[in-house]
Amino acid sequence: MPLHTQKPPVNVCLIGQKFMGRTHSNAFMKVSKFFDLPVDPVMHTICARHLPDLQKFAKRWGWQHATTDWETTVRDPKIDLVDVDTPNHL
């Protein structure tokens, strides 16, 4: 794909903000530098349980939105990809 061509965005929702949430946030920020993707990942919404910590997390890592309501978010037609990064037992 030529460099001047705009790639279609893919709005990402990430569920979980602890270790794997940080790891995947870092990956979403850098993936387009490592690979020539046919799409542009957009860090749209981060979901987790504790909103004050979540808002800080969103600001630090570049997420556009933060919410504790994962059920509404995964049904949002603006979300194209859901990445679940919660512990296995959840």
PDB file of N, CA and C in Angstrom:
ATOM      1  N   MET A   1       0.850  -1.169   0.000  1.00  0.00           N
ATOM      2  CA  MET A   1       0.000   0.000   0.000  1.00  0.00           C
ATOM      3  C   MET A   1       0.900   1.237   0.000  1.00  0.00           C
ATOM      4  N   PRO A   2       0.677   2.204  -0.889  1.00  0.00           N
ATOM      5  CA  PRO A   2       1.518   3.395  -0.923  1.00  0.00           C
ATOM      6  C   PRO A   2       1.456   4.171   0.385  1.00  0.00           C
ATOM      7  N   LEU A   3       2.533   4.826   0.729  1.00  0.00           N
ATOM      8  CA  LEU A   3       2.615   5.552   1.991  1.00  0.00           C
ATOM      9  C   LEU A   3       1.585   6.666   2.099  1.00  0.00           C
ATOM     10  N   HIS A   4       1.173   7.270   0.998  1.00  0.00           N
ATOM     11  CA  HIS A   4       0.250   8.395   1.042  1.00  0.00           C
ATOM     12  C   HIS A   4      -1.211   7.962   1.157  1.00  0.00           C
ATOM     13  N   THR A   5      -1.493   6.699   1.083  1.00  0.00           N
ATOM     14  CA  THR A   5      -2.857   6.193   1.148  1.00  0.00           C
ATOM     15  C   THR A   5      -3.323   6.103   2.599  1.00  0.00           C
ATOM     16  N   GLN A   6      -4.494   6.654   2.860  1.00  0.00           N
ATOM     17  CA  GLN A   6      -5.098   6.590   4.190  1.00  0.00           C
ATOM     18  C   GLN A   6      -5.626   5.173   4.423  1.00  0.00           C
ATOM     19  N   LYS A   7      -5.263   4.586   5.540  1.00  0.00           N
ATOM     20  CA  LYS A   7      -5.739   3.243   5.871  1.00  0.00           C
ATOM     21  C   LYS A   7      -7.029   3.359   6.676  1.00  0.00           C
ATOM     22  N   PRO A   8      -7.951   2.423   6.492  1.00  0.00           N
ATOM     23  CA  PRO A   8      -9.193   2.495   7.254  1.00  0.00           C
ATOM     24  C   PRO A   8      -8.928   2.274   8.742  1.00  0.00           C
ATOM     25  N   PRO A   9      -9.597   3.053   9.599  1.00  0.00           N
ATOM     26  CA  PRO A   9      -9.404   2.880  11.039  1.00  0.00           C
ATOM     27  C   PRO A   9     -10.126   1.638  11.554  1.00  0.00           C
ATOM     28  N   VAL A  10      -9.571   1.046  12.599  1.00  0.00           N
ATOM     29  CA  VAL A  10     -10.208  -0.040  13.335  1.00  0.00           C
ATOM     30  C   VAL A  10     -10.256   0.410  14.793  1.00  0.00           C
ATOM     31  N   ASN A  11     -11.457   0.718  15.279  1.00  0.00           N
ATOM     32  CA  ASN A  11     -11.618   1.185  16.654  1.00  0.00           C
ATOM     33  C   ASN A  11     -11.523   0.013  17.618  1.00  0.00           C
ATOM     34  N   VAL A  12     -10.556   0.110  18.524  1.00  0.00           N
ATOM     35  CA  VAL A  12     -10.258  -0.968  19.464  1.00  0.00           C
ATOM     36  C   VAL A  12     -10.858  -0.655  20.827  1.00  0.00           C
ATOM     37  N   CYS A  13     -11.443  -1.671  21.449  1.00  0.00           N
ATOM     38  CA  CYS A  13     -11.849  -1.633  22.850  1.00  0.00           C
ATOM     39  C   CYS A  13     -10.973  -2.637  23.581  1.00  0.00           C
ATOM     40  N   LEU A  14     -10.323  -2.190  24.626  1.00  0.00           N
ATOM     41  CA  LEU A  14      -9.480  -3.061  25.449  1.00  0.00           C
ATOM     42  C   LEU A  14     -10.155  -3.239  26.799  1.00  0.00           C
ATOM     43  N   ILE A  15     -10.368  -4.480  27.207  1.00  0.00           N
ATOM     44  CA  ILE A  15     -10.968  -4.762  28.507  1.00  0.00           C
ATOM     45  C   ILE A  15      -9.868  -5.287  29.416  1.00  0.00           C
ATOM     46  N   GLY A  16      -9.550  -4.498  30.451  1.00  0.00           N
ATOM     47  CA  GLY A  16      -8.489  -4.847  31.394  1.00  0.00           C
ATOM     48  C   GLY A  16      -7.370  -3.832  31.341  1.00  0.00           C
ATOM     49  N   GLN A  17      -6.910  -3.400  32.511  1.00  0.00           N
ATOM     50  CA  GLN A  17      -5.896  -2.350  32.539  1.00  0.00           C
ATOM     51  C   GLN A  17      -4.648  -2.719  33.332  1.00  0.00           C
ATOM     52  N   LYS A  18      -4.573  -3.892  33.831  1.00  0.00           N
ATOM     53  CA  LYS A  18      -3.387  -4.245  34.622  1.00  0.00           C
ATOM     54  C   LYS A  18      -2.244  -4.648  33.695  1.00  0.00           C
ATOM     55  N   PHE A  19      -1.466  -5.651  34.041  1.00  0.00           N
ATOM     56  CA  PHE A  19      -0.248  -5.960  33.295  1.00  0.00           C
ATOM     57  C   PHE A  19      -0.496  -6.153  31.801  1.00  0.00           C
ATOM     58  N   MET A  20      -1.426  -7.031  31.449  1.00  0.00           N
ATOM     59  CA  MET A  20      -1.661  -7.297  30.023  1.00  0.00           C
ATOM     60  C   MET A  20      -2.317  -6.101  29.337  1.00  0.00           C
ATOM     61  N   GLY A  21      -3.102  -5.335  30.065  1.00  0.00           N
ATOM     62  CA  GLY A  21      -3.674  -4.116  29.500  1.00  0.00           C
ATOM     63  C   GLY A  21      -2.592  -3.125  29.121  1.00  0.00           C
ATOM     64  N   ARG A  22      -1.589  -2.984  29.977  1.00  0.00           N
ATOM     65  CA  ARG A  22      -0.450  -2.104  29.659  1.00  0.00           C
ATOM     66  C   ARG A  22       0.325  -2.659  28.470  1.00  0.00           C
ATOM     67  N   THR A  23       0.550  -3.961  28.490  1.00  0.00           N
ATOM     68  CA  THR A  23       1.304  -4.598  27.407  1.00  0.00           C
ATOM     69  C   THR A  23       0.599  -4.417  26.063  1.00  0.00           C
ATOM     70  N   HIS A  24      -0.696  -4.661  26.034  1.00  0.00           N
ATOM     71  CA  HIS A  24      -1.433  -4.536  24.778  1.00  0.00           C
ATOM     72  C   HIS A  24      -1.594  -3.079  24.361  1.00  0.00           C
ATOM     73  N   SER A  25      -1.715  -2.163  25.322  1.00  0.00           N
ATOM     74  CA  SER A  25      -1.761  -0.733  24.985  1.00  0.00           C
ATOM     75  C   SER A  25      -0.476  -0.324  24.285  1.00  0.00           C
ATOM     76  N   ASN A  26       0.643  -0.756  24.831  1.00  0.00           N
ATOM     77  CA  ASN A  26       1.937  -0.473  24.214  1.00  0.00           C
ATOM     78  C   ASN A  26       1.997  -1.065  22.802  1.00  0.00           C
ATOM     79  N   ALA A  27       1.494  -2.276  22.650  1.00  0.00           N
ATOM     80  CA  ALA A  27       1.503  -2.928  21.336  1.00  0.00           C
ATOM     81  C   ALA A  27       0.634  -2.173  20.331  1.00  0.00           C
ATOM     82  N   PHE A  28      -0.562  -1.749  20.744  1.00  0.00           N
ATOM     83  CA  PHE A  28      -1.432  -1.007  19.825  1.00  0.00           C
ATOM     84  C   PHE A  28      -0.798   0.321  19.412  1.00  0.00           C
ATOM     85  N   MET A  29      -0.052   0.939  20.322  1.00  0.00           N
ATOM     86  CA  MET A  29       0.623   2.199  19.997  1.00  0.00           C
ATOM     87  C   MET A  29       1.716   1.996  18.952  1.00  0.00           C
ATOM     88  N   LYS A  30       2.360   0.833  18.948  1.00  0.00           N
ATOM     89  CA  LYS A  30       3.545   0.625  18.117  1.00  0.00           C
ATOM     90  C   LYS A  30       3.369  -0.331  16.942  1.00  0.00           C
ATOM     91  N   VAL A  31       2.264  -1.032  16.861  1.00  0.00           N
ATOM     92  CA  VAL A  31       2.114  -2.098  15.870  1.00  0.00           C
ATOM     93  C   VAL A  31       2.278  -1.601  14.432  1.00  0.00           C
ATOM     94  N   SER A  32       1.824  -0.404  14.147  1.00  0.00           N
ATOM     95  CA  SER A  32       1.938   0.116  12.778  1.00  0.00           C
ATOM     96  C   SER A  32       3.370   0.464  12.396  1.00  0.00           C
ATOM     97  N   LYS A  33       4.232   0.637  13.380  1.00  0.00           N
ATOM     98  CA  LYS A  33       5.648   0.880  13.102  1.00  0.00           C
ATOM     99  C   LYS A  33       6.380  -0.434  12.795  1.00  0.00           C
ATOM    100  N   PHE A  34       5.896  -1.537  13.371  1.00  0.00           N
ATOM    101  CA  PHE A  34       6.513  -2.847  13.159  1.00  0.00           C
ATOM    102  C   PHE A  34       6.021  -3.526  11.889  1.00  0.00           C
ATOM    103  N   PHE A  35       4.739  -3.345  11.578  1.00  0.00           N
ATOM    104  CA  PHE A  35       4.125  -4.060  10.467  1.00  0.00           C
ATOM    105  C   PHE A  35       3.414  -3.087   9.530  1.00  0.00           C
ATOM    106  N   ASP A  36       3.371  -3.427   8.267  1.00  0.00           N
ATOM    107  CA  ASP A  36       2.623  -2.652   7.287  1.00  0.00           C
ATOM    108  C   ASP A  36       1.192  -3.193   7.275  1.00  0.00           C
ATOM    109  N   LEU A  37       0.386  -2.693   8.172  1.00  0.00           N
ATOM    110  CA  LEU A  37      -0.982  -3.184   8.329  1.00  0.00           C
ATOM    111  C   LEU A  37      -1.907  -2.588   7.273  1.00  0.00           C
ATOM    112  N   PRO A  38      -2.950  -3.309   6.903  1.00  0.00           N
ATOM    113  CA  PRO A  38      -3.926  -2.767   5.958  1.00  0.00           C
ATOM    114  C   PRO A  38      -4.919  -1.818   6.634  1.00  0.00           C
ATOM    115  N   VAL A  39      -4.859  -1.721   7.966  1.00  0.00           N
ATOM    116  CA  VAL A  39      -5.759  -0.862   8.743  1.00  0.00           C
ATOM    117  C   VAL A  39      -4.943  -0.045   9.743  1.00  0.00           C
ATOM    118  N   ASP A  40      -5.597   0.961  10.324  1.00  0.00           N
ATOM    119  CA  ASP A  40      -4.971   1.805  11.335  1.00  0.00           C
ATOM    120  C   ASP A  40      -5.671   1.566  12.673  1.00  0.00           C
ATOM    121  N   PRO A  41      -5.037   0.847  13.622  1.00  0.00           N
ATOM    122  CA  PRO A  41      -5.668   0.625  14.919  1.00  0.00           C
ATOM    123  C   PRO A  41      -5.841   1.949  15.672  1.00  0.00           C
ATOM    124  N   VAL A  42      -7.045   2.180  16.168  1.00  0.00           N
ATOM    125  CA  VAL A  42      -7.362   3.384  16.933  1.00  0.00           C
ATOM    126  C   VAL A  42      -7.687   2.956  18.358  1.00  0.00           C
ATOM    127  N   MET A  43      -6.969   3.499  19.317  1.00  0.00           N
ATOM    128  CA  MET A  43      -7.186   3.159  20.729  1.00  0.00           C
ATOM    129  C   MET A  43      -8.421   3.929  21.210  1.00  0.00           C
ATOM    130  N   HIS A  44      -9.579   3.341  20.984  1.00  0.00           N
ATOM    131  CA  HIS A  44     -10.861   4.012  21.197  1.00  0.00           C
ATOM    132  C   HIS A  44     -11.305   3.984  22.660  1.00  0.00           C
ATOM    133  N   THR A  45     -11.476   2.793  23.235  1.00  0.00           N
ATOM    134  CA  THR A  45     -12.060   2.694  24.576  1.00  0.00           C
ATOM    135  C   THR A  45     -11.334   1.663  25.418  1.00  0.00           C
ATOM    136  N   ILE A  46     -11.024   2.057  26.653  1.00  0.00           N
ATOM    137  CA  ILE A  46     -10.457   1.143  27.650  1.00  0.00           C
ATOM    138  C   ILE A  46     -11.532   0.897  28.707  1.00  0.00           C
ATOM    139  N   CYS A  47     -11.720  -0.359  29.080  1.00  0.00           N
ATOM    140  CA  CYS A  47     -12.727  -0.736  30.079  1.00  0.00           C
ATOM    141  C   CYS A  47     -12.054  -1.470  31.235  1.00  0.00           C
ATOM    142  N   ALA A  48     -12.461  -1.125  32.452  1.00  0.00           N
ATOM    143  CA  ALA A  48     -12.015  -1.841  33.650  1.00  0.00           C
ATOM    144  C   ALA A  48     -12.949  -1.458  34.793  1.00  0.00           C
ATOM    145  N   ARG A  49     -12.645  -1.935  35.992  1.00  0.00           N
ATOM    146  CA  ARG A  49     -13.578  -1.781  37.108  1.00  0.00           C
ATOM    147  C   ARG A  49     -13.477  -0.468  37.875  1.00  0.00           C
ATOM    148  N   HIS A  50     -12.313   0.119  38.006  1.00  0.00           N
ATOM    149  CA  HIS A  50     -12.122   1.276  38.886  1.00  0.00           C
ATOM    150  C   HIS A  50     -11.886   2.532  38.050  1.00  0.00           C
ATOM    151  N   LEU A  51     -12.933   3.363  37.917  1.00  0.00           N
ATOM    152  CA  LEU A  51     -12.892   4.491  36.993  1.00  0.00           C
ATOM    153  C   LEU A  51     -11.780   5.507  37.276  1.00  0.00           C
ATOM    154  N   PRO A  52     -11.523   5.913  38.527  1.00  0.00           N
ATOM    155  CA  PRO A  52     -10.436   6.885  38.733  1.00  0.00           C
ATOM    156  C   PRO A  52      -9.081   6.383  38.214  1.00  0.00           C
ATOM    157  N   ASP A  53      -8.734   5.136  38.501  1.00  0.00           N
ATOM    158  CA  ASP A  53      -7.483   4.574  37.975  1.00  0.00           C
ATOM    159  C   ASP A  53      -7.543   4.451  36.454  1.00  0.00           C
ATOM    160  N   LEU A  54      -8.697   4.098  35.965  1.00  0.00           N
ATOM    161  CA  LEU A  54      -8.895   3.897  34.533  1.00  0.00           C
ATOM    162  C   LEU A  54      -8.705   5.193  33.751  1.00  0.00           C
ATOM    163  N   GLN A  55      -9.193   6.300  34.295  1.00  0.00           N
ATOM    164  CA  GLN A  55      -9.032   7.589  33.621  1.00  0.00           C
ATOM    165  C   GLN A  55      -7.558   7.983  33.538  1.00  0.00           C
ATOM    166  N   LYS A  56      -6.807   7.720  34.584  1.00  0.00           N
ATOM    167  CA  LYS A  56      -5.359   7.980  34.564  1.00  0.00           C
ATOM    168  C   LYS A  56      -4.678   7.088  33.524  1.00  0.00           C
ATOM    169  N   PHE A  57      -5.085   5.822  33.507  1.00  0.00           N
ATOM    170  CA  PHE A  57      -4.537   4.861  32.549  1.00  0.00           C
ATOM    171  C   PHE A  57      -4.801   5.332  31.115  1.00  0.00           C
ATOM    172  N   ALA A  58      -6.036   5.741  30.847  1.00  0.00           N
ATOM    173  CA  ALA A  58      -6.412   6.191  29.501  1.00  0.00           C
ATOM    174  C   ALA A  58      -5.565   7.382  29.071  1.00  0.00           C
ATOM    175  N   LYS A  59      -5.375   8.312  29.970  1.00  0.00           N
ATOM    176  CA  LYS A  59      -4.576   9.501  29.645  1.00  0.00           C
ATOM    177  C   LYS A  59      -3.117   9.118  29.387  1.00  0.00           C
ATOM    178  N   ARG A  60      -2.570   8.276  30.234  1.00  0.00           N
ATOM    179  CA  ARG A  60      -1.162   7.881  30.099  1.00  0.00           C
ATOM    180  C   ARG A  60      -0.899   7.128  28.795  1.00  0.00           C
ATOM    181  N   TRP A  61      -1.799   6.221  28.431  1.00  0.00           N
ATOM    182  CA  TRP A  61      -1.569   5.345  27.286  1.00  0.00           C
ATOM    183  C   TRP A  61      -2.227   5.816  25.994  1.00  0.00           C
ATOM    184  N   GLY A  62      -3.034   6.864  26.043  1.00  0.00           N
ATOM    185  CA  GLY A  62      -3.599   7.420  24.814  1.00  0.00           C
ATOM    186  C   GLY A  62      -4.947   6.875  24.382  1.00  0.00           C
ATOM    187  N   TRP A  63      -5.701   6.301  25.302  1.00  0.00           N
ATOM    188  CA  TRP A  63      -7.043   5.835  24.965  1.00  0.00           C
ATOM    189  C   TRP A  63      -7.982   7.032  24.904  1.00  0.00           C
ATOM    190  N   GLN A  64      -8.878   7.055  23.936  1.00  0.00           N
ATOM    191  CA  GLN A  64      -9.797   8.177  23.755  1.00  0.00           C
ATOM    192  C   GLN A  64     -10.910   8.204  24.799  1.00  0.00           C
ATOM    193  N   HIS A  65     -11.353   7.027  25.236  1.00  0.00           N
ATOM    194  CA  HIS A  65     -12.474   6.931  26.176  1.00  0.00           C
ATOM    195  C   HIS A  65     -12.144   5.903  27.256  1.00  0.00           C
ATOM    196  N   ALA A  66     -12.736   6.113  28.443  1.00  0.00           N
ATOM    197  CA  ALA A  66     -12.578   5.166  29.552  1.00  0.00           C
ATOM    198  C   ALA A  66     -13.953   4.901  30.153  1.00  0.00           C
ATOM    199  N   THR A  67     -14.226   3.634  30.450  1.00  0.00           N
ATOM    200  CA  THR A  67     -15.530   3.277  30.998  1.00  0.00           C
ATOM    201  C   THR A  67     -15.420   2.017  31.848  1.00  0.00           C
ATOM    202  N   THR A  68     -16.376   1.867  32.750  1.00  0.00           N
ATOM    203  CA  THR A  68     -16.477   0.631  33.527  1.00  0.00           C
ATOM    204  C   THR A  68     -17.572  -0.278  32.955  1.00  0.00           C
ATOM    205  N   ASP A  69     -18.282   0.186  31.959  1.00  0.00           N
ATOM    206  CA  ASP A  69     -19.412  -0.552  31.386  1.00  0.00           C
ATOM    207  C   ASP A  69     -18.993  -1.304  30.118  1.00  0.00           C
ATOM    208  N   TRP A  70     -18.417  -2.478  30.312  1.00  0.00           N
ATOM    209  CA  TRP A  70     -17.921  -3.241  29.169  1.00  0.00           C
ATOM    210  C   TRP A  70     -19.055  -3.757  28.288  1.00  0.00           C
ATOM    211  N   GLU A  71     -20.199  -4.074  28.893  1.00  0.00           N
ATOM    212  CA  GLU A  71     -21.298  -4.655  28.116  1.00  0.00           C
ATOM    213  C   GLU A  71     -21.836  -3.676  27.067  1.00  0.00           C
ATOM    214  N   THR A  72     -21.996  -2.427  27.461  1.00  0.00           N
ATOM    215  CA  THR A  72     -22.445  -1.414  26.506  1.00  0.00           C
ATOM    216  C   THR A  72     -21.374  -1.161  25.455  1.00  0.00           C
ATOM    217  N   THR A  73     -20.134  -1.133  25.884  1.00  0.00           N
ATOM    218  CA  THR A  73     -19.035  -0.825  24.969  1.00  0.00           C
ATOM    219  C   THR A  73     -18.875  -1.887  23.890  1.00  0.00           C
ATOM    220  N   VAL A  74     -18.960  -3.156  24.246  1.00  0.00           N
ATOM    221  CA  VAL A  74     -18.774  -4.199  23.224  1.00  0.00           C
ATOM    222  C   VAL A  74     -19.938  -4.245  22.232  1.00  0.00           C
ATOM    223  N   ARG A  75     -21.070  -3.656  22.605  1.00  0.00           N
ATOM    224  CA  ARG A  75     -22.216  -3.580  21.686  1.00  0.00           C
ATOM    225  C   ARG A  75     -22.206  -2.295  20.847  1.00  0.00           C
ATOM    226  N   ASP A  76     -21.317  -1.385  21.166  1.00  0.00           N
ATOM    227  CA  ASP A  76     -21.235  -0.102  20.467  1.00  0.00           C
ATOM    228  C   ASP A  76     -20.845  -0.342  19.005  1.00  0.00           C
ATOM    229  N   PRO A  77     -21.650   0.117  18.052  1.00  0.00           N
ATOM    230  CA  PRO A  77     -21.319  -0.118  16.640  1.00  0.00           C
ATOM    231  C   PRO A  77     -20.034   0.583  16.189  1.00  0.00           C
ATOM    232  N   LYS A  78     -19.546   1.544  16.979  1.00  0.00           N
ATOM    233  CA  LYS A  78     -18.285   2.210  16.628  1.00  0.00           C
ATOM    234  C   LYS A  78     -17.071   1.328  16.920  1.00  0.00           C
ATOM    235  N   ILE A  79     -17.245   0.306  17.770  1.00  0.00           N
ATOM    236  CA  ILE A  79     -16.141  -0.585  18.140  1.00  0.00           C
ATOM    237  C   ILE A  79     -16.031  -1.700  17.103  1.00  0.00           C
ATOM    238  N   ASP A  80     -14.824  -1.851  16.561  1.00  0.00           N
ATOM    239  CA  ASP A  80     -14.579  -2.875  15.543  1.00  0.00           C
ATOM    240  C   ASP A  80     -13.879  -4.109  16.090  1.00  0.00           C
ATOM    241  N   LEU A  81     -13.098  -3.942  17.151  1.00  0.00           N
ATOM    242  CA  LEU A  81     -12.297  -5.040  17.689  1.00  0.00           C
ATOM    243  C   LEU A  81     -12.302  -4.950  19.207  1.00  0.00           C
ATOM    244  N   VAL A  82     -12.566  -6.066  19.877  1.00  0.00           N
ATOM    245  CA  VAL A  82     -12.534  -6.127  21.341  1.00  0.00           C
ATOM    246  C   VAL A  82     -11.388  -7.034  21.749  1.00  0.00           C
ATOM    247  N   ASP A  83     -10.500  -6.510  22.576  1.00  0.00           N
ATOM    248  CA  ASP A  83      -9.330  -7.240  23.074  1.00  0.00           C
ATOM    249  C   ASP A  83      -9.535  -7.448  24.575  1.00  0.00           C
ATOM    250  N   VAL A  84      -9.764  -8.691  24.996  1.00  0.00           N
ATOM    251  CA  VAL A  84     -10.030  -8.998  26.403  1.00  0.00           C
ATOM    252  C   VAL A  84      -8.725  -9.407  27.075  1.00  0.00           C
ATOM    253  N   ASP A  85      -8.294  -8.602  28.040  1.00  0.00           N
ATOM    254  CA  ASP A  85      -7.022  -8.816  28.743  1.00  0.00           C
ATOM    255  C   ASP A  85      -7.238  -8.960  30.241  1.00  0.00           C
ATOM    256  N   THR A  86      -8.238  -9.728  30.607  1.00  0.00           N
ATOM    257  CA  THR A  86      -8.511  -9.963  32.021  1.00  0.00           C
ATOM    258  C   THR A  86      -7.823 -11.259  32.452  1.00  0.00           C
ATOM    259  N   PRO A  87      -7.681 -11.464  33.765  1.00  0.00           N
ATOM    260  CA  PRO A  87      -7.115 -12.733  34.226  1.00  0.00           C
ATOM    261  C   PRO A  87      -7.971 -13.917  33.755  1.00  0.00           C
ATOM    262  N   ASN A  88      -7.346 -15.049  33.578  1.00  0.00           N
ATOM    263  CA  ASN A  88      -8.032 -16.235  33.052  1.00  0.00           C
ATOM    264  C   ASN A  88      -9.240 -16.649  33.871  1.00  0.00           C
ATOM    265  N   HIS A  89      -9.200 -16.448  35.184  1.00  0.00           N
ATOM    266  CA  HIS A  89     -10.299 -16.910  36.032  1.00  0.00           C
ATOM    267  C   HIS A  89     -11.529 -16.004  35.948  1.00  0.00           C
ATOM    268  N   LEU A  90     -11.441 -14.884  35.261  1.00  0.00           N
ATOM    269  CA  LEU A  90     -12.609 -13.996  35.168  1.00  0.00           C
ATOM    270  C   LEU A  90     -13.423 -14.332  33.965  1.00  0.00           C
TER     271      LEU A  90
END
